[in-house]
Amino acid sequence: MAHRHGIRSGAGDPQGAGAALLAQKDPAEGAVRERLERRTRQILDAPRNGPDPEAIEREKAVVHECRYLMRLLSMRRRSAGELRDRLDQREVPAAIAHEAMARIERAGLLDDTAFAHEWVQQRRTLRALGDEALRRELEDRRVAAADIDAALAAGESDEEARCRDLVRSRLGDRDRERLRTERDGSHRRRLSRRLDALLTRKGYPGDLAVRVIAGELRAAAE
């Protein structure tokens, strides 16, 4: 009877049966918990890597050069080639220069196409330069040939008209009077040489210069 009572007692007590099962699993679970705790302590006790001093110094150098380039750009628009030349002159390490230029470009501060158009427009207006001189100036600033061609073709592209305007602007009333009254042509020859030298400096082709000078001096004498 006692034996059967004991069986009934175990069968009728679910909590007692669960406790018995947990007692059987405790050793394994304890081992797992111990491993987890040990691993957690290892992670927490591991030395933390501080900031990389070399990376910090590199970042400082890049920021320094970016600020320098932005100061240059605040004075006037510049080509990418001009800025690279400035960094070369400062003997900036290649990696630092490359990263500084990349950041300036990502910021939208570099546009050689717009630079070439603006350069051509301003130099034509303010200096009356011919296309040859403008091309040389843009090549000196390391602008790509395609951007140069597009800038020279845009806007007012009648080079002969600009050349005539320049010659007429250099002929004063006294020059016109002497051209009308002289007999030996000495003043005409002096004016022709002076104007030819001017147009050469301004970058106008030689054949165009000769044709325009001859026509404008003839018109002034008449």
Protein backbone atom coordinates (compact mmCIF):
# COMPACT_ATOMS: atom_id res chain seq x y z
CA MET A 1 0.00 0.00 0.00
CA ALA A 2 2.77 2.38 0.91
CA HIS A 3 4.46 1.72 -2.42
CA ARG A 4 1.31 2.49 -4.37
CA HIS A 5 0.75 5.63 -2.26
CA GLY A 6 4.19 6.82 -3.10
CA ILE A 7 3.52 6.41 -6.81
CA ARG A 8 0.25 8.23 -6.53
CA SER A 9 1.92 11.02 -4.60
CA GLY A 10 4.52 11.51 -7.35
CA ALA A 11 1.99 11.32 -10.12
CA GLY A 12 -0.32 13.73 -8.40
CA ASP A 13 2.42 16.37 -7.75
CA PRO A 14 3.53 17.98 -11.08
CA GLN A 15 5.72 20.54 -9.31
CA GLY A 16 7.65 17.83 -7.61
CA ALA A 17 8.25 16.11 -10.95
CA GLY A 18 9.45 19.43 -12.54
CA ALA A 19 11.85 20.01 -9.68
CA ALA A 20 13.27 16.56 -10.21
CA LEU A 21 13.84 17.27 -13.91
CA LEU A 22 15.50 20.63 -13.19
CA ALA A 23 17.75 18.94 -10.70
CA GLN A 24 18.90 16.64 -13.48
CA LYS A 25 19.61 19.59 -15.89
CA ASP A 26 21.23 22.00 -13.45
CA PRO A 27 24.83 20.77 -13.95
CA ALA A 28 24.76 21.39 -17.70
CA GLU A 29 23.04 24.76 -17.39
CA GLY A 30 25.48 25.78 -14.73
CA ALA A 31 28.38 24.99 -17.03
CA VAL A 32 26.84 27.09 -19.79
CA ARG A 33 26.25 29.99 -17.44
CA GLU A 34 29.81 29.74 -16.21
CA ARG A 35 31.21 29.85 -19.75
CA LEU A 36 29.04 32.85 -20.61
CA GLU A 37 30.11 34.69 -17.51
CA ARG A 38 33.75 33.91 -18.18
CA ARG A 39 33.46 35.15 -21.78
CA THR A 40 31.66 38.28 -20.62
CA ARG A 41 34.44 39.03 -18.14
CA GLN A 42 37.04 38.54 -20.89
CA ILE A 43 35.24 40.99 -23.16
CA LEU A 44 34.81 43.58 -20.42
CA ASP A 45 38.37 43.22 -19.20
CA ALA A 46 39.94 43.34 -22.68
CA PRO A 47 41.93 46.56 -23.30
CA ARG A 48 40.09 49.01 -25.51
CA ASN A 49 41.92 50.37 -28.54
CA GLY A 50 42.28 54.14 -28.33
CA PRO A 51 42.21 56.52 -31.30
CA ASP A 52 44.91 55.88 -33.88
CA PRO A 53 47.40 58.78 -33.53
CA GLU A 54 48.50 58.41 -37.14
CA ALA A 55 44.90 58.61 -38.39
CA ILE A 56 44.30 61.70 -36.26
CA GLU A 57 47.34 63.47 -37.67
CA ARG A 58 46.35 62.53 -41.22
CA GLU A 59 42.86 63.92 -40.72
CA LYS A 60 44.28 67.16 -39.35
CA ALA A 61 46.52 67.50 -42.39
CA VAL A 62 43.64 66.88 -44.81
CA VAL A 63 41.41 69.44 -43.08
CA HIS A 64 44.26 71.96 -43.09
CA GLU A 65 44.71 71.63 -46.86
CA CYS A 66 40.96 71.74 -47.48
CA ARG A 67 40.80 75.06 -45.67
CA TYR A 68 43.71 76.36 -47.74
CA LEU A 69 41.96 75.37 -50.99
CA MET A 70 38.72 76.99 -49.87
CA ARG A 71 40.56 80.24 -49.17
CA LEU A 72 41.87 80.19 -52.73
CA LEU A 73 38.40 79.51 -54.10
CA SER A 74 36.91 82.32 -52.04
CA MET A 75 39.02 84.81 -54.02
CA ARG A 76 38.00 83.54 -57.46
CA ARG A 77 36.90 80.40 -59.26
CA ARG A 78 39.84 78.12 -60.07
CA SER A 79 40.41 75.02 -62.11
CA ALA A 80 41.21 71.68 -60.53
CA GLY A 81 44.65 71.83 -62.15
CA GLU A 82 45.41 75.17 -60.51
CA LEU A 83 44.56 73.81 -57.09
CA ARG A 84 46.66 70.69 -57.61
CA ASP A 85 49.58 72.89 -58.66
CA ARG A 86 49.21 74.92 -55.48
CA LEU A 87 49.33 71.78 -53.36
CA ASP A 88 52.40 70.61 -55.28
CA GLN A 89 54.10 73.94 -54.60
CA ARG A 90 53.38 73.46 -50.90
CA GLU A 91 54.95 69.98 -51.12
CA VAL A 92 51.84 68.35 -49.70
CA PRO A 93 52.16 64.53 -49.60
CA ALA A 94 50.33 62.88 -52.48
CA ALA A 95 47.84 60.98 -50.30
CA ILE A 96 46.89 64.12 -48.37
CA ALA A 97 46.57 66.18 -51.55
CA HIS A 98 44.42 63.52 -53.21
CA GLU A 99 42.03 63.32 -50.27
CA ALA A 100 41.79 67.12 -49.93
CA MET A 101 40.98 67.49 -53.63
CA ALA A 102 38.42 64.68 -53.41
CA ARG A 103 36.62 66.41 -50.55
CA ILE A 104 36.58 69.76 -52.35
CA GLU A 105 35.14 68.03 -55.42
CA ARG A 106 32.49 66.17 -53.40
CA ALA A 107 31.46 69.51 -51.90
CA GLY A 108 30.66 70.75 -55.42
CA LEU A 109 33.37 73.42 -55.42
CA LEU A 110 35.14 72.23 -58.59
CA ASP A 111 33.70 72.65 -62.09
CA ASP A 112 36.24 73.06 -64.88
CA THR A 113 33.51 73.48 -67.50
CA ALA A 114 32.01 76.47 -65.70
CA PHE A 115 35.49 77.79 -64.93
CA ALA A 116 36.47 77.76 -68.61
CA HIS A 117 33.27 79.53 -69.70
CA GLU A 118 33.67 82.21 -67.05
CA TRP A 119 37.35 82.69 -67.87
CA VAL A 120 36.69 83.14 -71.59
CA GLN A 121 33.83 85.56 -71.04
CA GLN A 122 35.74 87.75 -68.62
CA ARG A 123 39.00 87.81 -70.60
CA ARG A 124 37.19 88.61 -73.83
CA THR A 125 35.33 91.47 -72.16
CA LEU A 126 38.09 92.91 -70.01
CA ARG A 127 41.21 92.16 -72.06
CA ALA A 128 39.83 91.70 -75.60
CA LEU A 129 41.87 88.51 -75.94
CA GLY A 130 41.81 86.35 -79.04
CA ASP A 131 41.02 82.66 -78.98
CA GLU A 132 44.65 81.61 -79.26
CA ALA A 133 45.62 83.53 -76.14
CA LEU A 134 42.58 82.25 -74.26
CA ARG A 135 43.42 78.67 -75.18
CA ARG A 136 47.00 79.10 -73.95
CA GLU A 137 45.81 80.55 -70.66
CA LEU A 138 43.37 77.72 -70.05
CA GLU A 139 45.94 75.11 -71.00
CA ASP A 140 48.33 76.69 -68.48
CA ARG A 141 45.60 76.12 -65.90
CA ARG A 142 45.37 72.46 -66.95
CA VAL A 143 41.82 72.63 -68.24
CA ALA A 144 40.82 69.75 -70.52
CA ALA A 145 40.77 70.42 -74.27
CA ALA A 146 37.07 69.56 -74.53
CA ASP A 147 36.18 72.17 -71.91
CA ILE A 148 38.35 74.76 -73.67
CA ASP A 149 36.73 74.10 -77.05
CA ALA A 150 33.24 74.39 -75.55
CA ALA A 151 34.06 77.65 -73.80
CA LEU A 152 35.59 79.24 -76.91
CA ALA A 153 32.59 78.23 -79.02
CA ALA A 154 30.05 79.61 -76.56
CA GLY A 155 28.67 83.14 -76.51
CA GLU A 156 30.25 85.78 -78.73
CA SER A 157 32.52 83.76 -81.00
CA ASP A 158 33.09 86.24 -83.87
CA GLU A 159 36.82 86.70 -83.43
CA GLU A 160 37.18 89.03 -86.40
CA ALA A 161 34.56 91.39 -85.00
CA ARG A 162 36.37 91.51 -81.67
CA CYS A 163 39.64 92.13 -83.45
CA ARG A 164 38.17 95.07 -85.41
CA ASP A 165 36.68 96.57 -82.28
CA LEU A 166 40.06 96.39 -80.57
CA VAL A 167 41.88 98.09 -83.48
CA ARG A 168 39.28 100.84 -83.72
CA SER A 169 39.54 101.48 -79.99
CA ARG A 170 43.28 102.18 -80.40
CA LEU A 171 42.87 104.70 -83.22
CA GLY A 172 42.43 108.19 -81.79
CA ASP A 173 41.23 111.33 -83.55
CA ARG A 174 44.81 112.53 -84.01
CA ASP A 175 45.76 109.24 -85.69
CA ARG A 176 42.83 109.53 -88.05
CA GLU A 177 43.71 113.09 -88.92
CA ARG A 178 47.34 112.25 -89.68
CA LEU A 179 46.29 109.26 -91.78
CA ARG A 180 44.08 111.53 -93.87
CA THR A 181 46.71 114.24 -94.38
CA GLU A 182 50.10 112.49 -94.57
CA ARG A 183 51.80 111.94 -97.91
CA ASP A 184 54.70 109.61 -97.15
CA GLY A 185 52.76 106.95 -95.19
CA SER A 186 55.19 107.02 -92.25
CA HIS A 187 52.49 107.31 -89.61
CA ARG A 188 50.50 104.53 -91.21
CA ARG A 189 53.50 102.21 -91.03
CA ARG A 190 54.12 103.08 -87.38
CA LEU A 191 50.48 102.46 -86.53
CA SER A 192 50.51 99.19 -88.44
CA ARG A 193 53.54 97.89 -86.51
CA ARG A 194 52.11 99.00 -83.18
CA LEU A 195 48.72 97.43 -83.85
CA ASP A 196 50.27 94.21 -85.15
CA ALA A 197 52.31 93.87 -81.94
CA LEU A 198 49.15 94.50 -79.91
CA LEU A 199 47.12 91.87 -81.73
CA THR A 200 49.96 89.36 -81.42
CA ARG A 201 50.04 89.87 -77.65
CA LYS A 202 46.28 89.49 -77.52
CA GLY A 203 46.42 86.17 -79.33
CA TYR A 204 44.85 86.97 -82.70
CA PRO A 205 46.06 84.98 -85.74
CA GLY A 206 48.61 86.76 -87.94
CA ASP A 207 46.57 86.61 -91.15
CA LEU A 208 43.53 88.00 -89.39
CA ALA A 209 45.59 90.78 -87.81
CA VAL A 210 47.06 91.86 -91.16
CA ARG A 211 43.67 91.92 -92.84
CA VAL A 212 41.93 93.83 -90.06
CA ILE A 213 44.72 96.40 -89.61
CA ALA A 214 44.90 97.13 -93.32
CA GLY A 215 41.13 97.54 -93.56
CA GLU A 216 40.78 99.74 -90.51
CA LEU A 217 43.69 102.01 -91.43
CA ARG A 218 42.34 102.41 -94.91
CA ALA A 219 38.88 103.27 -93.52
CA ALA A 220 40.40 105.75 -91.06
CA ALA A 221 42.35 107.50 -93.85
CA GLU A 222 39.20 107.91 -95.87
